[in-house]
N, C-alpha and C. Protein backbone atom coordinates (compact mmCIF):
# COMPACT_ATOMS: atom_id res chain seq x y z
N MET A 1 0.84 -1.17 0.00
CA MET A 1 0.00 0.00 0.00
C MET A 1 0.89 1.24 0.00
N LYS A 2 0.65 2.11 -0.92
CA LYS A 2 1.44 3.33 -1.05
C LYS A 2 0.73 4.46 -0.30
N THR A 3 1.50 5.16 0.50
CA THR A 3 0.93 6.31 1.19
C THR A 3 1.55 7.57 0.62
N SER A 4 0.74 8.56 0.47
CA SER A 4 1.29 9.84 0.00
C SER A 4 1.16 10.84 1.14
N LEU A 5 2.30 11.34 1.54
CA LEU A 5 2.31 12.33 2.61
C LEU A 5 2.15 13.70 1.99
N LYS A 6 1.33 14.52 2.62
CA LYS A 6 1.05 15.84 2.07
C LYS A 6 1.97 16.91 2.61
N HIS A 7 2.77 16.56 3.59
CA HIS A 7 3.64 17.55 4.22
C HIS A 7 5.09 17.12 4.10
N ARG A 8 5.95 18.11 4.07
CA ARG A 8 7.38 17.81 4.09
C ARG A 8 7.74 17.25 5.46
N ASN A 9 8.86 16.60 5.55
CA ASN A 9 9.29 15.97 6.80
C ASN A 9 9.87 17.04 7.73
N LEU A 10 9.03 17.62 8.57
CA LEU A 10 9.44 18.71 9.45
C LEU A 10 10.58 18.31 10.39
N PRO A 11 10.52 17.15 11.05
CA PRO A 11 11.65 16.79 11.91
C PRO A 11 12.98 16.72 11.14
N SER A 12 12.93 16.20 9.93
CA SER A 12 14.14 16.13 9.12
C SER A 12 14.64 17.52 8.75
N LEU A 13 13.74 18.41 8.38
CA LEU A 13 14.13 19.78 8.05
C LEU A 13 14.74 20.49 9.26
N LEU A 14 14.15 20.28 10.43
CA LEU A 14 14.68 20.91 11.64
C LEU A 14 16.07 20.37 11.97
N LEU A 15 16.27 19.07 11.78
CA LEU A 15 17.59 18.47 12.01
C LEU A 15 18.61 19.01 11.00
N GLN A 16 18.19 19.16 9.75
CA GLN A 16 19.10 19.72 8.74
C GLN A 16 19.48 21.15 9.09
N ALA A 17 18.50 21.93 9.55
CA ALA A 17 18.78 23.32 9.94
C ALA A 17 19.73 23.34 11.13
N ARG A 18 19.50 22.45 12.10
CA ARG A 18 20.38 22.38 13.28
C ARG A 18 21.81 22.05 12.85
N GLU A 19 21.95 21.06 11.97
CA GLU A 19 23.28 20.65 11.53
C GLU A 19 23.96 21.76 10.75
N SER A 20 23.19 22.51 9.99
CA SER A 20 23.75 23.64 9.25
C SER A 20 24.33 24.69 10.21
N ILE A 21 23.57 25.02 11.23
CA ILE A 21 24.02 26.00 12.23
C ILE A 21 25.21 25.44 13.01
N MET A 22 25.10 24.18 13.45
CA MET A 22 26.16 23.59 14.25
C MET A 22 27.44 23.40 13.44
N GLY A 23 27.32 23.30 12.13
CA GLY A 23 28.50 23.20 11.28
C GLY A 23 29.42 24.40 11.43
N HIS A 24 28.84 25.54 11.77
CA HIS A 24 29.64 26.75 12.01
C HIS A 24 30.13 26.82 13.45
N THR A 25 29.37 26.25 14.36
CA THR A 25 29.68 26.33 15.79
C THR A 25 30.70 25.28 16.22
N ARG A 26 30.60 24.08 15.67
CA ARG A 26 31.45 22.97 16.12
C ARG A 26 32.94 23.27 16.08
N PRO A 27 33.45 23.92 15.04
CA PRO A 27 34.90 24.18 15.05
C PRO A 27 35.34 24.99 16.27
N PHE A 28 34.53 25.94 16.71
CA PHE A 28 34.86 26.70 17.92
C PHE A 28 34.87 25.78 19.14
N LEU A 29 33.88 24.89 19.21
CA LEU A 29 33.79 23.96 20.34
C LEU A 29 34.97 23.00 20.33
N ARG A 30 35.25 22.41 19.17
CA ARG A 30 36.33 21.42 19.09
C ARG A 30 37.69 22.05 19.40
N ALA A 31 37.87 23.30 19.02
CA ALA A 31 39.14 23.99 19.31
C ALA A 31 39.39 24.06 20.81
N HIS A 32 38.32 23.97 21.60
CA HIS A 32 38.44 23.99 23.06
C HIS A 32 38.17 22.63 23.68
N GLY A 33 38.11 21.60 22.85
CA GLY A 33 37.92 20.24 23.34
C GLY A 33 36.53 19.95 23.86
N LEU A 34 35.52 20.68 23.38
CA LEU A 34 34.15 20.49 23.85
C LEU A 34 33.29 19.75 22.83
N SER A 35 32.41 18.93 23.35
CA SER A 35 31.39 18.30 22.51
C SER A 35 30.16 19.22 22.47
N ASP A 36 29.24 18.92 21.59
CA ASP A 36 27.98 19.68 21.53
C ASP A 36 27.27 19.64 22.89
N GLN A 37 27.24 18.45 23.49
CA GLN A 37 26.54 18.27 24.77
C GLN A 37 27.21 19.09 25.88
N GLN A 38 28.54 19.08 25.91
CA GLN A 38 29.25 19.86 26.93
C GLN A 38 28.97 21.35 26.76
N TRP A 39 28.89 21.81 25.53
CA TRP A 39 28.57 23.21 25.28
C TRP A 39 27.17 23.55 25.79
N ARG A 40 26.22 22.65 25.54
CA ARG A 40 24.86 22.91 26.02
C ARG A 40 24.83 23.01 27.54
N VAL A 41 25.60 22.17 28.21
CA VAL A 41 25.67 22.24 29.67
C VAL A 41 26.31 23.57 30.10
N LEU A 42 27.41 23.95 29.46
CA LEU A 42 28.06 25.22 29.81
C LEU A 42 27.13 26.41 29.59
N ARG A 43 26.35 26.37 28.51
CA ARG A 43 25.39 27.46 28.27
C ARG A 43 24.38 27.54 29.40
N VAL A 44 23.90 26.39 29.85
CA VAL A 44 22.92 26.36 30.94
C VAL A 44 23.54 26.93 32.22
N LEU A 45 24.80 26.60 32.47
CA LEU A 45 25.46 27.02 33.71
C LEU A 45 26.22 28.35 33.56
N GLY A 46 26.15 28.94 32.39
CA GLY A 46 26.95 30.12 32.09
C GLY A 46 26.64 31.37 32.88
N ASN A 47 25.52 31.40 33.58
CA ASN A 47 25.21 32.58 34.40
C ASN A 47 25.80 32.49 35.80
N GLY A 48 26.49 31.39 36.08
CA GLY A 48 27.15 31.23 37.38
C GLY A 48 26.29 30.61 38.45
N GLU A 49 25.05 30.31 38.13
CA GLU A 49 24.13 29.72 39.11
C GLU A 49 24.32 28.21 39.20
N ALA A 50 24.25 27.69 40.41
CA ALA A 50 24.29 26.24 40.62
C ALA A 50 22.88 25.69 40.39
N LEU A 51 22.79 24.60 39.63
CA LEU A 51 21.49 24.01 39.33
C LEU A 51 21.49 22.53 39.67
N GLU A 52 20.32 22.04 40.07
CA GLU A 52 20.13 20.62 40.32
C GLU A 52 20.32 19.88 38.99
N THR A 53 20.92 18.70 39.05
CA THR A 53 21.27 18.00 37.81
C THR A 53 20.05 17.73 36.92
N GLY A 54 18.90 17.49 37.49
CA GLY A 54 17.69 17.28 36.69
C GLY A 54 17.34 18.50 35.86
N LYS A 55 17.52 19.68 36.44
CA LYS A 55 17.28 20.93 35.70
C LYS A 55 18.29 21.10 34.58
N VAL A 56 19.54 20.75 34.86
CA VAL A 56 20.58 20.84 33.83
C VAL A 56 20.21 19.93 32.66
N ALA A 57 19.81 18.70 32.97
CA ALA A 57 19.42 17.75 31.92
C ALA A 57 18.27 18.30 31.10
N GLN A 58 17.28 18.84 31.78
CA GLN A 58 16.10 19.38 31.09
C GLN A 58 16.47 20.56 30.20
N GLN A 59 17.23 21.49 30.73
CA GLN A 59 17.56 22.71 29.98
C GLN A 59 18.60 22.48 28.89
N ALA A 60 19.44 21.47 29.06
CA ALA A 60 20.45 21.15 28.05
C ALA A 60 19.96 20.07 27.07
N PHE A 61 18.72 19.61 27.26
CA PHE A 61 18.13 18.59 26.39
C PHE A 61 18.98 17.34 26.33
N LEU A 62 19.33 16.83 27.53
CA LEU A 62 20.10 15.60 27.65
C LEU A 62 19.36 14.62 28.54
N LEU A 63 19.41 13.35 28.19
CA LEU A 63 18.84 12.32 29.04
C LEU A 63 19.77 12.09 30.22
N GLY A 64 19.22 11.67 31.36
CA GLY A 64 19.99 11.48 32.58
C GLY A 64 21.26 10.67 32.40
N PRO A 65 21.19 9.48 31.79
CA PRO A 65 22.42 8.68 31.63
C PRO A 65 23.49 9.40 30.80
N SER A 66 23.08 10.12 29.76
CA SER A 66 24.04 10.87 28.96
C SER A 66 24.65 12.00 29.77
N LEU A 67 23.80 12.67 30.56
CA LEU A 67 24.29 13.78 31.37
C LEU A 67 25.35 13.31 32.35
N THR A 68 25.17 12.14 32.93
CA THR A 68 26.14 11.62 33.89
C THR A 68 27.54 11.55 33.28
N GLY A 69 27.64 10.98 32.09
CA GLY A 69 28.93 10.88 31.42
C GLY A 69 29.49 12.25 31.04
N VAL A 70 28.63 13.13 30.54
CA VAL A 70 29.06 14.48 30.15
C VAL A 70 29.60 15.22 31.37
N LEU A 71 28.88 15.16 32.48
CA LEU A 71 29.33 15.85 33.69
C LEU A 71 30.63 15.27 34.23
N SER A 72 30.79 13.96 34.14
CA SER A 72 32.04 13.34 34.61
C SER A 72 33.23 13.87 33.82
N ARG A 73 33.08 13.94 32.50
CA ARG A 73 34.18 14.46 31.67
C ARG A 73 34.43 15.95 31.95
N MET A 74 33.36 16.71 32.14
CA MET A 74 33.51 18.14 32.40
C MET A 74 34.15 18.39 33.76
N GLU A 75 33.80 17.57 34.73
CA GLU A 75 34.41 17.68 36.06
C GLU A 75 35.89 17.34 35.98
N ARG A 76 36.21 16.27 35.26
CA ARG A 76 37.61 15.88 35.06
C ARG A 76 38.42 17.00 34.41
N ASP A 77 37.79 17.72 33.48
CA ASP A 77 38.48 18.79 32.75
C ASP A 77 38.43 20.14 33.47
N GLY A 78 37.87 20.16 34.67
CA GLY A 78 37.85 21.39 35.47
C GLY A 78 36.85 22.43 35.00
N LEU A 79 35.79 22.00 34.29
CA LEU A 79 34.79 22.94 33.78
C LEU A 79 33.60 23.12 34.70
N ILE A 80 33.31 22.08 35.47
CA ILE A 80 32.16 22.14 36.39
C ILE A 80 32.55 21.53 37.73
N GLU A 81 31.72 21.82 38.73
CA GLU A 81 31.84 21.21 40.05
C GLU A 81 30.48 20.63 40.42
N ARG A 82 30.50 19.48 41.09
CA ARG A 82 29.26 18.89 41.60
C ARG A 82 29.33 18.87 43.12
N GLN A 83 28.20 19.16 43.72
CA GLN A 83 28.09 19.14 45.18
C GLN A 83 26.71 18.61 45.56
N LYS A 84 26.58 18.23 46.82
CA LYS A 84 25.26 17.85 47.32
C LYS A 84 24.41 19.12 47.46
N ASP A 85 23.14 18.98 47.15
CA ASP A 85 22.21 20.11 47.29
C ASP A 85 22.04 20.40 48.77
N PRO A 86 22.35 21.63 49.21
CA PRO A 86 22.21 21.94 50.64
C PRO A 86 20.78 21.76 51.16
N ALA A 87 19.80 21.93 50.27
CA ALA A 87 18.40 21.79 50.69
C ALA A 87 17.93 20.34 50.71
N ASP A 88 18.61 19.47 49.98
CA ASP A 88 18.21 18.07 49.90
C ASP A 88 19.45 17.24 49.56
N GLN A 89 20.05 16.62 50.55
CA GLN A 89 21.30 15.90 50.40
C GLN A 89 21.21 14.72 49.43
N ARG A 90 20.00 14.32 49.05
CA ARG A 90 19.85 13.23 48.09
C ARG A 90 20.11 13.69 46.66
N ARG A 91 20.11 14.98 46.46
CA ARG A 91 20.29 15.54 45.12
C ARG A 91 21.65 16.18 44.96
N SER A 92 22.07 16.29 43.71
CA SER A 92 23.33 16.97 43.40
C SER A 92 23.04 18.26 42.66
N VAL A 93 23.89 19.23 42.89
CA VAL A 93 23.83 20.48 42.13
C VAL A 93 25.14 20.62 41.37
N VAL A 94 25.06 21.30 40.26
CA VAL A 94 26.20 21.48 39.37
C VAL A 94 26.40 22.97 39.15
N SER A 95 27.65 23.38 39.11
CA SER A 95 27.96 24.78 38.77
C SER A 95 29.22 24.80 37.91
N ALA A 96 29.33 25.84 37.12
CA ALA A 96 30.53 26.01 36.30
C ALA A 96 31.65 26.55 37.17
N THR A 97 32.84 26.08 36.94
CA THR A 97 34.03 26.61 37.63
C THR A 97 34.39 27.95 36.98
N PRO A 98 35.28 28.72 37.58
CA PRO A 98 35.75 29.94 36.90
C PRO A 98 36.29 29.64 35.49
N HIS A 99 37.01 28.54 35.35
CA HIS A 99 37.51 28.15 34.02
C HIS A 99 36.34 27.90 33.07
N GLY A 100 35.32 27.19 33.52
CA GLY A 100 34.15 26.91 32.69
C GLY A 100 33.41 28.18 32.31
N LEU A 101 33.27 29.09 33.27
CA LEU A 101 32.60 30.37 33.00
C LEU A 101 33.38 31.20 31.98
N ASN A 102 34.71 31.24 32.12
CA ASN A 102 35.54 31.98 31.16
C ASN A 102 35.41 31.39 29.76
N LEU A 103 35.42 30.07 29.69
CA LEU A 103 35.29 29.41 28.41
C LEU A 103 33.92 29.70 27.79
N ALA A 104 32.87 29.66 28.60
CA ALA A 104 31.53 29.95 28.10
C ALA A 104 31.45 31.38 27.56
N ARG A 105 32.04 32.32 28.27
CA ARG A 105 32.04 33.72 27.80
C ARG A 105 32.80 33.86 26.49
N GLN A 106 33.95 33.22 26.40
CA GLN A 106 34.76 33.31 25.19
C GLN A 106 34.02 32.70 24.00
N LEU A 107 33.47 31.50 24.18
CA LEU A 107 32.76 30.85 23.10
C LEU A 107 31.50 31.62 22.72
N SER A 108 30.84 32.21 23.68
CA SER A 108 29.64 33.00 23.40
C SER A 108 29.96 34.15 22.46
N LYS A 109 31.11 34.76 22.64
CA LYS A 109 31.52 35.86 21.75
C LYS A 109 31.76 35.34 20.33
N ASP A 110 32.44 34.21 20.21
CA ASP A 110 32.70 33.62 18.90
C ASP A 110 31.38 33.26 18.20
N ILE A 111 30.49 32.65 18.94
CA ILE A 111 29.22 32.20 18.37
C ILE A 111 28.34 33.41 18.04
N ALA A 112 28.40 34.46 18.86
CA ALA A 112 27.63 35.68 18.58
C ALA A 112 28.05 36.28 17.24
N ARG A 113 29.33 36.22 16.92
CA ARG A 113 29.78 36.73 15.62
C ARG A 113 29.16 35.94 14.48
N HIS A 114 29.04 34.63 14.66
CA HIS A 114 28.37 33.82 13.64
C HIS A 114 26.91 34.25 13.49
N TYR A 115 26.23 34.47 14.60
CA TYR A 115 24.83 34.88 14.54
C TYR A 115 24.68 36.25 13.88
N GLN A 116 25.64 37.13 14.08
CA GLN A 116 25.61 38.43 13.41
C GLN A 116 25.70 38.24 11.89
N GLY A 117 26.58 37.34 11.47
CA GLY A 117 26.69 37.05 10.05
C GLY A 117 25.43 36.42 9.50
N LEU A 118 24.83 35.53 10.28
CA LEU A 118 23.58 34.89 9.88
C LEU A 118 22.48 35.94 9.75
N GLU A 119 22.44 36.86 10.70
CA GLU A 119 21.43 37.92 10.66
C GLU A 119 21.62 38.80 9.43
N GLN A 120 22.86 39.10 9.08
CA GLN A 120 23.12 39.92 7.90
C GLN A 120 22.72 39.18 6.62
N ALA A 121 23.03 37.90 6.54
CA ALA A 121 22.74 37.12 5.34
C ALA A 121 21.25 36.79 5.21
N PHE A 122 20.62 36.47 6.31
CA PHE A 122 19.24 36.01 6.32
C PHE A 122 18.27 37.16 6.46
N GLY A 123 18.72 38.20 7.14
CA GLY A 123 17.87 39.35 7.41
C GLY A 123 17.36 39.32 8.84
N LYS A 124 17.46 40.46 9.51
CA LYS A 124 17.04 40.53 10.91
C LYS A 124 15.56 40.19 11.09
N ASP A 125 14.71 40.75 10.22
CA ASP A 125 13.28 40.50 10.34
C ASP A 125 12.95 39.02 10.11
N GLN A 126 13.60 38.41 9.12
CA GLN A 126 13.35 36.99 8.85
C GLN A 126 13.83 36.12 10.00
N LEU A 127 14.98 36.46 10.57
CA LEU A 127 15.49 35.68 11.69
C LEU A 127 14.56 35.80 12.89
N GLU A 128 14.08 37.01 13.16
CA GLU A 128 13.13 37.20 14.26
C GLU A 128 11.84 36.43 14.00
N ALA A 129 11.38 36.45 12.75
CA ALA A 129 10.17 35.70 12.40
C ALA A 129 10.40 34.19 12.60
N LEU A 130 11.58 33.72 12.24
CA LEU A 130 11.90 32.30 12.43
C LEU A 130 11.88 31.95 13.92
N TYR A 131 12.51 32.79 14.74
CA TYR A 131 12.48 32.55 16.19
C TYR A 131 11.05 32.49 16.70
N GLN A 132 10.23 33.43 16.26
CA GLN A 132 8.84 33.48 16.72
C GLN A 132 8.07 32.23 16.28
N LEU A 133 8.25 31.83 15.03
CA LEU A 133 7.57 30.63 14.55
C LEU A 133 8.01 29.39 15.31
N LEU A 134 9.30 29.27 15.56
CA LEU A 134 9.80 28.12 16.33
C LEU A 134 9.25 28.12 17.74
N ASP A 135 9.23 29.30 18.38
CA ASP A 135 8.65 29.40 19.73
C ASP A 135 7.19 28.97 19.73
N GLU A 136 6.43 29.40 18.71
CA GLU A 136 5.02 29.04 18.62
C GLU A 136 4.86 27.55 18.38
N LEU A 137 5.70 26.97 17.54
CA LEU A 137 5.63 25.53 17.28
C LEU A 137 5.92 24.73 18.55
N ILE A 138 6.96 25.14 19.27
CA ILE A 138 7.31 24.47 20.53
C ILE A 138 6.17 24.56 21.53
N ALA A 139 5.60 25.75 21.66
CA ALA A 139 4.49 25.94 22.60
C ALA A 139 3.29 25.09 22.19
N LEU A 140 3.00 25.03 20.91
CA LEU A 140 1.88 24.25 20.40
C LEU A 140 2.06 22.76 20.72
N GLU A 141 3.27 22.26 20.50
CA GLU A 141 3.52 20.85 20.73
C GLU A 141 3.60 20.49 22.21
N HIS A 142 3.78 21.48 23.07
CA HIS A 142 3.83 21.23 24.52
C HIS A 142 2.48 21.47 25.19
N SER A 143 1.48 21.88 24.42
CA SER A 143 0.17 22.13 25.05
C SER A 143 -0.70 20.91 25.01
C-alpha cells in the first residue's frame, strides 16, 4: 500500500537546519575540546548559578544517563563542580568553575559573531520571524 504524505518531513528539516548552524559552531567547540553536549551544559550554567542535575538535563536537552557521562568528563576537565544540594542531600547540584565560565564567555563571543553574520545574510526580520515561529511551534507541541 502506497501512502502519500502531504507535508514535508518537518523533523528532518529541523535536524538539517540544526546541523547547518552547528556546522559553524562545532569548530569553535572542538578547538576547546568540547562536545555539543558539553557546550549545552556550559550554556545552561553560564550565568554562574548552581542548578540541580535534573534541571541541567532538562535545559540542556540531555537524558539522565548521557548527562552523567558528560558531567564526569567536564568535572575531570575542570569545567564544572558537583556538590550535594544543601536543601536536599539526596540531590546533586552542578555549577561552572571559573575556568568553565571563562570558556563559556569566550565561546559565546565567537558564536555571537556567527549569529551576526547569519542575521546579515538572512535578514534581521526573517530571523526574528523564524524565532517566533519556532517558539510558537514548541508551545503548540507542549500544550
